[in-house]
Amino acid sequence: MEENKNSTSRNQLKEILPKRLKMCRENAGLSLRDVAKKINKTAATVCKWEAGDIMPYGETLLQLCDLYNVDITTFFGVSFLGSGF
């Protein structure tokens, strides 16, 4: 049962995180290239995060929080005031 619960949580994260990343980038008025340049990644990588093909982890998530001026919980569906999520 616990394994199934963890699998569900991972699947939910794979749905939520890309949407939140894109929403935060757009709210910050940044392009894919802008974000990539500021955190030393490629625009293709940022695009893959927002498409849900790959996920950013660790230090990269913290860089994105700073860049978008959000708390890390925003990315995981815990809180985002006024977002409609």
Protein backbone atom coordinates (compact mmCIF):
# COMPACT_ATOMS: atom_id res chain seq x y z
CA MET A 1 0.00 0.00 0.00
CA GLU A 2 2.81 2.45 0.89
CA GLU A 3 4.56 1.79 -2.44
CA ASN A 4 1.34 2.56 -4.33
CA LYS A 5 0.94 5.79 -2.35
CA ASN A 6 4.50 6.88 -3.22
CA SER A 7 3.92 6.05 -6.88
CA THR A 8 0.77 8.17 -6.90
CA SER A 9 2.63 11.07 -5.28
CA ARG A 10 5.39 10.88 -7.90
CA ASN A 11 2.82 10.84 -10.69
CA GLN A 12 1.06 13.85 -9.21
CA LEU A 13 4.37 15.68 -8.92
CA LYS A 14 5.14 14.93 -12.58
CA GLU A 15 1.85 16.61 -13.48
CA ILE A 16 2.05 19.57 -11.12
CA LEU A 17 5.71 20.59 -11.30
CA PRO A 18 5.91 21.33 -15.05
CA LYS A 19 2.75 23.47 -14.91
CA ARG A 20 4.02 25.39 -11.92
CA LEU A 21 7.44 25.97 -13.46
CA LYS A 22 5.89 27.42 -16.59
CA MET A 23 3.39 29.51 -14.64
CA CYS A 24 6.13 30.98 -12.46
CA ARG A 25 8.35 31.75 -15.46
CA GLU A 26 5.50 33.48 -17.26
CA ASN A 27 4.49 35.39 -14.12
CA ALA A 28 8.10 36.59 -13.85
CA GLY A 29 7.92 37.80 -17.46
CA LEU A 30 10.86 35.64 -18.51
CA SER A 31 11.47 33.64 -21.67
CA LEU A 32 12.93 30.14 -21.71
CA ARG A 33 16.24 31.68 -22.82
CA ASP A 34 16.15 34.25 -20.03
CA VAL A 35 15.76 31.55 -17.40
CA ALA A 36 18.39 29.33 -18.99
CA LYS A 37 20.95 32.12 -19.11
CA LYS A 38 20.33 33.19 -15.51
CA ILE A 39 20.79 29.67 -14.09
CA ASN A 40 23.44 28.47 -16.55
CA LYS A 41 21.32 25.85 -18.31
CA THR A 42 20.14 25.53 -21.90
CA ALA A 43 16.76 26.74 -23.09
CA ALA A 44 16.11 23.16 -24.22
CA THR A 45 16.58 21.93 -20.65
CA VAL A 46 14.16 24.53 -19.27
CA CYS A 47 11.68 23.56 -21.99
CA LYS A 48 11.98 19.88 -21.02
CA TRP A 49 11.25 20.76 -17.38
CA GLU A 50 8.09 22.58 -18.41
CA ALA A 51 7.05 19.72 -20.69
CA GLY A 52 7.55 17.20 -17.89
CA ASP A 53 10.18 15.26 -19.83
CA ILE A 54 12.78 15.75 -17.09
CA MET A 55 12.71 17.32 -13.64
CA PRO A 56 15.01 19.85 -12.00
CA TYR A 57 16.40 18.86 -8.61
CA GLY A 58 18.29 20.26 -5.64
CA GLU A 59 20.26 23.42 -6.22
CA THR A 60 18.51 24.07 -9.52
CA LEU A 61 15.11 24.20 -7.80
CA LEU A 62 16.51 26.65 -5.29
CA GLN A 63 17.91 28.82 -8.10
CA LEU A 64 14.48 28.81 -9.73
CA CYS A 65 12.86 29.83 -6.44
CA ASP A 66 15.22 32.80 -6.20
CA LEU A 67 14.73 33.73 -9.83
CA TYR A 68 10.92 33.56 -9.65
CA ASN A 69 10.80 34.95 -6.10
CA VAL A 70 8.68 32.06 -4.80
CA ASP A 71 8.86 29.57 -1.99
CA ILE A 72 9.78 26.02 -3.00
CA THR A 73 6.34 24.81 -1.92
CA THR A 74 4.92 26.73 -4.89
CA PHE A 75 6.42 24.17 -7.25
CA PHE A 76 4.87 21.22 -5.46
CA GLY A 77 1.28 22.33 -5.23
CA VAL A 78 1.36 23.23 -1.55
CA SER A 79 0.63 26.92 -1.87
CA PHE A 80 0.38 29.56 -4.52
CA LEU A 81 -1.87 32.40 -3.57
CA GLY A 82 -4.21 33.59 -6.27
CA SER A 83 -3.08 31.01 -8.82
CA GLY A 84 -6.27 29.02 -9.06
CA PHE A 85 -4.39 25.80 -8.30
